Amino acid sequence: MDAFLSLRDLDRNYLLMLLWLGFDRVTIEVDQQHRYAGKSAYRFGELVRVAADGIFFQTTALLRWIVYAGFLLAGLGIALAAYTLIAYLAGRDLPDWTALPMLILVLAGFIVVSTGVTGLYIGKIFDQVKGRPLYVVDAEISAGDRRPDSYEPPASASASIEAPVEVGPRGPGDPS
């Protein structure tokens, strides 16, 4: 709860933020009863908006796919240019408009890639502005604490940072 409340996101998507925190999850099955009165505040359009927010505004993965699509377009333009060059060197007659699709594909690919890269930069700025912590610490161990030989971290310690602690057979009266 403390880790969730430490996130300063203004537009909170509860489930995605819990996944981002990285703690262990469990499922509790509940028999859902019929609603006694009223109806859900979320209509279909609002549910679609929440899903779109999760897809478009919580990650930059879609922007990476846009950059890949731009490279694909530019690659198709270059492949068409190579085919045209080979066909020209082989002595085949080519239509006069052959350069137009090559130019459109290469320029469109360049525009899509540059727009996607710009979007990735803006996405990085967006992540910085959120002010999320770099690490979420599950349990803190101070330098003076000693662990027993059979120390088992808690089940939810998947995101914990462990400090090096000496563990050995020394007793409290051992000066070394």
C-alpha atoms as a PDB file:
ATOM      1  CA  MET A   1       0.000   0.000   0.000  1.00  0.00           C
ATOM      2  CA  ASP A   2       2.832   2.399   0.849  1.00  0.00           C
ATOM      3  CA  ALA A   3       4.529   1.716  -2.482  1.00  0.00           C
ATOM      4  CA  PHE A   4       1.286   2.325  -4.384  1.00  0.00           C
ATOM      5  CA  LEU A   5       0.618   5.572  -2.515  1.00  0.00           C
ATOM      6  CA  SER A   6       4.187   6.758  -3.195  1.00  0.00           C
ATOM      7  CA  LEU A   7       3.469   6.861  -6.956  1.00  0.00           C
ATOM      8  CA  ARG A   8       2.566  10.387  -7.983  1.00  0.00           C
ATOM      9  CA  ASP A   9       0.715   9.623 -11.216  1.00  0.00           C
ATOM     10  CA  LEU A  10      -2.285  11.879 -11.679  1.00  0.00           C
ATOM     11  CA  ASP A  11      -4.030   9.607 -14.181  1.00  0.00           C
ATOM     12  CA  ARG A  12      -3.973   6.334 -12.264  1.00  0.00           C
ATOM     13  CA  ASN A  13      -4.699   3.011 -13.887  1.00  0.00           C
ATOM     14  CA  TYR A  14      -4.912   0.842 -10.783  1.00  0.00           C
ATOM     15  CA  LEU A  15      -4.155  -2.572 -12.302  1.00  0.00           C
ATOM     16  CA  LEU A  16      -1.257  -1.384 -14.466  1.00  0.00           C
ATOM     17  CA  MET A  17       0.317   0.434 -11.531  1.00  0.00           C
ATOM     18  CA  LEU A  18       0.117  -2.695  -9.381  1.00  0.00           C
ATOM     19  CA  LEU A  19       1.790  -4.694 -12.159  1.00  0.00           C
ATOM     20  CA  TRP A  20       4.499  -2.012 -12.454  1.00  0.00           C
ATOM     21  CA  LEU A  21       5.267  -2.261  -8.728  1.00  0.00           C
ATOM     22  CA  GLY A  22       6.237  -5.905  -9.253  1.00  0.00           C
ATOM     23  CA  PHE A  23       5.107  -7.444  -5.981  1.00  0.00           C
ATOM     24  CA  ASP A  24       3.869 -11.030  -5.892  1.00  0.00           C
ATOM     25  CA  ARG A  25       0.193 -11.390  -6.747  1.00  0.00           C
ATOM     26  CA  VAL A  26      -2.453 -13.813  -5.606  1.00  0.00           C
ATOM     27  CA  THR A  27      -5.958 -14.402  -6.862  1.00  0.00           C
ATOM     28  CA  ILE A  28      -8.920 -14.525  -4.528  1.00  0.00           C
ATOM     29  CA  GLU A  29     -12.017 -16.048  -6.050  1.00  0.00           C
ATOM     30  CA  VAL A  30     -15.252 -14.342  -5.068  1.00  0.00           C
ATOM     31  CA  ASP A  31     -18.795 -15.330  -5.964  1.00  0.00           C
ATOM     32  CA  GLN A  32     -20.194 -12.143  -7.474  1.00  0.00           C
ATOM     33  CA  GLN A  33     -23.741 -11.471  -6.365  1.00  0.00           C
ATOM     34  CA  HIS A  34     -26.250  -9.659  -8.527  1.00  0.00           C
ATOM     35  CA  ARG A  35     -26.362  -5.915  -7.988  1.00  0.00           C
ATOM     36  CA  TYR A  36     -29.054  -5.023  -5.473  1.00  0.00           C
ATOM     37  CA  ALA A  37     -29.852  -1.615  -6.938  1.00  0.00           C
ATOM     38  CA  GLY A  38     -28.593   0.706  -9.637  1.00  0.00           C
ATOM     39  CA  LYS A  39     -26.204  -0.100 -12.441  1.00  0.00           C
ATOM     40  CA  SER A  40     -22.506   0.207 -13.189  1.00  0.00           C
ATOM     41  CA  ALA A  41     -21.149   3.703 -13.754  1.00  0.00           C
ATOM     42  CA  TYR A  42     -18.958   2.363 -16.552  1.00  0.00           C
ATOM     43  CA  ARG A  43     -20.734   2.120 -19.849  1.00  0.00           C
ATOM     44  CA  PHE A  44     -19.160   0.401 -22.865  1.00  0.00           C
ATOM     45  CA  GLY A  45     -17.635   3.635 -24.242  1.00  0.00           C
ATOM     46  CA  GLU A  46     -16.020   4.448 -20.905  1.00  0.00           C
ATOM     47  CA  LEU A  47     -14.574   0.943 -20.651  1.00  0.00           C
ATOM     48  CA  VAL A  48     -13.092   1.358 -24.137  1.00  0.00           C
ATOM     49  CA  ARG A  49     -11.575   4.698 -23.044  1.00  0.00           C
ATOM     50  CA  VAL A  50      -9.973   3.072 -19.971  1.00  0.00           C
ATOM     51  CA  ALA A  51      -8.569   0.269 -22.151  1.00  0.00           C
ATOM     52  CA  ALA A  52      -7.212   2.775 -24.705  1.00  0.00           C
ATOM     53  CA  ASP A  53      -5.591   4.785 -21.914  1.00  0.00           C
ATOM     54  CA  GLY A  54      -3.869   1.631 -20.711  1.00  0.00           C
ATOM     55  CA  ILE A  55      -2.640   0.756 -24.191  1.00  0.00           C
ATOM     56  CA  PHE A  56      -1.642   4.185 -25.466  1.00  0.00           C
ATOM     57  CA  PHE A  57      -0.674   6.193 -22.398  1.00  0.00           C
ATOM     58  CA  GLN A  58       1.047   3.752 -20.073  1.00  0.00           C
ATOM     59  CA  THR A  59       3.747   2.398 -22.375  1.00  0.00           C
ATOM     60  CA  THR A  60       5.897   3.347 -25.344  1.00  0.00           C
ATOM     61  CA  ALA A  61       5.640  -0.115 -26.933  1.00  0.00           C
ATOM     62  CA  LEU A  62       3.143   1.113 -29.538  1.00  0.00           C
ATOM     63  CA  LEU A  63       5.553   3.891 -30.527  1.00  0.00           C
ATOM     64  CA  ARG A  64       8.289   1.312 -31.083  1.00  0.00           C
ATOM     65  CA  TRP A  65       5.960  -0.620 -33.405  1.00  0.00           C
ATOM     66  CA  ILE A  66       5.308   2.593 -35.334  1.00  0.00           C
ATOM     67  CA  VAL A  67       9.072   3.057 -35.775  1.00  0.00           C
ATOM     68  CA  TYR A  68       9.355  -0.567 -36.996  1.00  0.00           C
ATOM     69  CA  ALA A  69       6.526   0.058 -39.481  1.00  0.00           C
ATOM     70  CA  GLY A  70       8.387   3.125 -40.771  1.00  0.00           C
ATOM     71  CA  PHE A  71      11.540   1.086 -41.294  1.00  0.00           C
ATOM     72  CA  LEU A  72       9.445  -1.519 -43.102  1.00  0.00           C
ATOM     73  CA  LEU A  73       8.014   1.145 -45.445  1.00  0.00           C
ATOM     74  CA  ALA A  74      11.456   2.581 -46.134  1.00  0.00           C
ATOM     75  CA  GLY A  75      12.799  -0.947 -46.675  1.00  0.00           C
ATOM     76  CA  LEU A  76      10.048  -1.656 -49.216  1.00  0.00           C
ATOM     77  CA  GLY A  77      10.997   1.539 -51.056  1.00  0.00           C
ATOM     78  CA  ILE A  78      14.663   0.542 -51.115  1.00  0.00           C
ATOM     79  CA  ALA A  79      13.766  -2.993 -52.251  1.00  0.00           C
ATOM     80  CA  LEU A  80      11.647  -1.526 -55.063  1.00  0.00           C
ATOM     81  CA  ALA A  81      14.561   0.725 -56.030  1.00  0.00           C
ATOM     82  CA  ALA A  82      16.910  -2.284 -56.118  1.00  0.00           C
ATOM     83  CA  TYR A  83      14.439  -4.261 -58.237  1.00  0.00           C
ATOM     84  CA  THR A  84      14.054  -1.304 -60.598  1.00  0.00           C
ATOM     85  CA  LEU A  85      17.821  -0.928 -60.934  1.00  0.00           C
ATOM     86  CA  ILE A  86      18.273  -4.643 -61.666  1.00  0.00           C
ATOM     87  CA  ALA A  87      15.413  -4.586 -64.196  1.00  0.00           C
ATOM     88  CA  TYR A  88      16.914  -1.485 -65.868  1.00  0.00           C
ATOM     89  CA  LEU A  89      20.381  -3.089 -66.072  1.00  0.00           C
ATOM     90  CA  ALA A  90      18.789  -6.248 -67.526  1.00  0.00           C
ATOM     91  CA  GLY A  91      17.336  -4.119 -70.325  1.00  0.00           C
ATOM     92  CA  ARG A  92      13.666  -4.387 -69.381  1.00  0.00           C
ATOM     93  CA  ASP A  93      11.369  -1.522 -70.223  1.00  0.00           C
ATOM     94  CA  LEU A  94       9.964   0.170 -67.130  1.00  0.00           C
ATOM     95  CA  PRO A  95       6.997   2.515 -66.876  1.00  0.00           C
ATOM     96  CA  ASP A  96       7.791   6.217 -66.602  1.00  0.00           C
ATOM     97  CA  TRP A  97       6.134   6.446 -63.187  1.00  0.00           C
ATOM     98  CA  THR A  98       8.363   3.768 -61.565  1.00  0.00           C
ATOM     99  CA  ALA A  99      10.279   6.331 -59.486  1.00  0.00           C
ATOM    100  CA  LEU A 100       7.075   7.658 -57.907  1.00  0.00           C
ATOM    101  CA  PRO A 101       6.251   4.585 -55.726  1.00  0.00           C
ATOM    102  CA  MET A 102       9.906   4.301 -54.679  1.00  0.00           C
ATOM    103  CA  LEU A 103       9.988   7.931 -53.631  1.00  0.00           C
ATOM    104  CA  ILE A 104       6.647   7.713 -51.816  1.00  0.00           C
ATOM    105  CA  LEU A 105       7.658   4.580 -49.882  1.00  0.00           C
ATOM    106  CA  VAL A 106      11.085   5.880 -48.866  1.00  0.00           C
ATOM    107  CA  LEU A 107       9.799   9.328 -47.857  1.00  0.00           C
ATOM    108  CA  ALA A 108       6.766   7.918 -46.042  1.00  0.00           C
ATOM    109  CA  GLY A 109       9.040   5.504 -44.185  1.00  0.00           C
ATOM    110  CA  PHE A 110      11.365   8.352 -43.228  1.00  0.00           C
ATOM    111  CA  ILE A 111       8.451  10.475 -41.995  1.00  0.00           C
ATOM    112  CA  VAL A 112       6.948   7.624 -39.971  1.00  0.00           C
ATOM    113  CA  VAL A 113      10.322   6.723 -38.420  1.00  0.00           C
ATOM    114  CA  SER A 114      11.110  10.326 -37.494  1.00  0.00           C
ATOM    115  CA  THR A 115       7.620  10.836 -36.046  1.00  0.00           C
ATOM    116  CA  GLY A 116       7.924   7.603 -34.065  1.00  0.00           C
ATOM    117  CA  VAL A 117      11.358   8.544 -32.720  1.00  0.00           C
ATOM    118  CA  THR A 118      10.003  11.942 -31.695  1.00  0.00           C
ATOM    119  CA  GLY A 119       7.146  10.137 -29.952  1.00  0.00           C
ATOM    120  CA  LEU A 120       9.642   7.900 -28.144  1.00  0.00           C
ATOM    121  CA  TYR A 121      11.500  10.965 -26.874  1.00  0.00           C
ATOM    122  CA  ILE A 122       8.226  12.479 -25.665  1.00  0.00           C
ATOM    123  CA  GLY A 123       7.377   9.127 -24.040  1.00  0.00           C
ATOM    124  CA  LYS A 124      10.682   9.208 -22.152  1.00  0.00           C
ATOM    125  CA  ILE A 125       9.905  12.748 -20.979  1.00  0.00           C
ATOM    126  CA  PHE A 126       6.442  11.542 -19.922  1.00  0.00           C
ATOM    127  CA  ASP A 127       8.010   8.752 -17.867  1.00  0.00           C
ATOM    128  CA  GLN A 128      10.370  11.242 -16.208  1.00  0.00           C
ATOM    129  CA  VAL A 129       7.569  13.664 -15.361  1.00  0.00           C
ATOM    130  CA  LYS A 130       5.646  10.918 -13.566  1.00  0.00           C
ATOM    131  CA  GLY A 131       8.401  10.929 -10.944  1.00  0.00           C
ATOM    132  CA  ARG A 132       8.151   7.213 -10.221  1.00  0.00           C
ATOM    133  CA  PRO A 133      10.904   5.820  -8.008  1.00  0.00           C
ATOM    134  CA  LEU A 134      13.669   3.856  -9.695  1.00  0.00           C
ATOM    135  CA  TYR A 135      13.295   0.998  -7.201  1.00  0.00           C
ATOM    136  CA  VAL A 136      10.590  -0.263  -4.901  1.00  0.00           C
ATOM    137  CA  VAL A 137      12.018  -1.691  -1.704  1.00  0.00           C
ATOM    138  CA  ASP A 138      10.040  -4.423   0.015  1.00  0.00           C
ATOM    139  CA  ALA A 139      12.201  -4.767   3.131  1.00  0.00           C
ATOM    140  CA  GLU A 140      15.095  -2.706   4.437  1.00  0.00           C
ATOM    141  CA  ILE A 141      18.070  -4.327   6.139  1.00  0.00           C
ATOM    142  CA  SER A 142      20.436  -1.990   7.956  1.00  0.00           C
ATOM    143  CA  ALA A 143      24.180  -2.651   7.997  1.00  0.00           C
ATOM    144  CA  GLY A 144      24.165  -3.725  11.656  1.00  0.00           C
ATOM    145  CA  ASP A 145      21.450  -6.343  11.262  1.00  0.00           C
ATOM    146  CA  ARG A 146      22.527  -9.973  11.106  1.00  0.00           C
ATOM    147  CA  ARG A 147      20.683 -12.660   9.261  1.00  0.00           C
ATOM    148  CA  PRO A 148      20.446 -16.195  10.560  1.00  0.00           C
ATOM    149  CA  ASP A 149      22.050 -18.916   8.444  1.00  0.00           C
ATOM    150  CA  SER A 150      18.644 -20.110   7.266  1.00  0.00           C
ATOM    151  CA  TYR A 151      17.387 -16.683   6.172  1.00  0.00           C
ATOM    152  CA  GLU A 152      14.504 -16.861   3.696  1.00  0.00           C
ATOM    153  CA  PRO A 153      13.379 -13.561   2.152  1.00  0.00           C
ATOM    154  CA  PRO A 154       9.640 -12.865   2.399  1.00  0.00           C
ATOM    155  CA  ALA A 155       7.499 -14.156  -0.466  1.00  0.00           C
ATOM    156  CA  SER A 156       6.936 -10.614  -1.722  1.00  0.00           C
ATOM    157  CA  ALA A 157      10.648  -9.694  -1.770  1.00  0.00           C
ATOM    158  CA  SER A 158      10.945  -9.968  -5.551  1.00  0.00           C
ATOM    159  CA  ALA A 159      11.780  -6.282  -5.854  1.00  0.00           C
ATOM    160  CA  SER A 160      13.891  -5.925  -2.712  1.00  0.00           C
ATOM    161  CA  ILE A 161      17.437  -4.631  -2.604  1.00  0.00           C
ATOM    162  CA  GLU A 162      19.700  -6.666  -0.382  1.00  0.00           C
ATOM    163  CA  ALA A 163      22.747  -5.212   1.342  1.00  0.00           C
ATOM    164  CA  PRO A 164      25.756  -7.492   1.860  1.00  0.00           C
ATOM    165  CA  VAL A 165      25.623  -8.837   5.409  1.00  0.00           C
ATOM    166  CA  GLU A 166      28.181 -11.169   6.978  1.00  0.00           C
ATOM    167  CA  VAL A 167      26.691 -14.374   8.270  1.00  0.00           C
ATOM    168  CA  GLY A 168      28.896 -16.743  10.199  1.00  0.00           C
ATOM    169  CA  PRO A 169      29.373 -18.783  13.327  1.00  0.00           C
ATOM    170  CA  ARG A 170      30.693 -15.846  15.384  1.00  0.00           C
ATOM    171  CA  GLY A 171      28.999 -15.195  18.696  1.00  0.00           C
ATOM    172  CA  PRO A 172      28.368 -11.933  20.515  1.00  0.00           C
ATOM    173  CA  GLY A 173      31.664 -12.162  22.463  1.00  0.00           C
ATOM    174  CA  ASP A 174      33.800 -12.904  19.352  1.00  0.00           C
ATOM    175  CA  PRO A 175      35.985  -9.814  18.623  1.00  0.00           C
ATOM    176  CA  SER A 176      36.747 -10.708  14.998  1.00  0.00           C
END
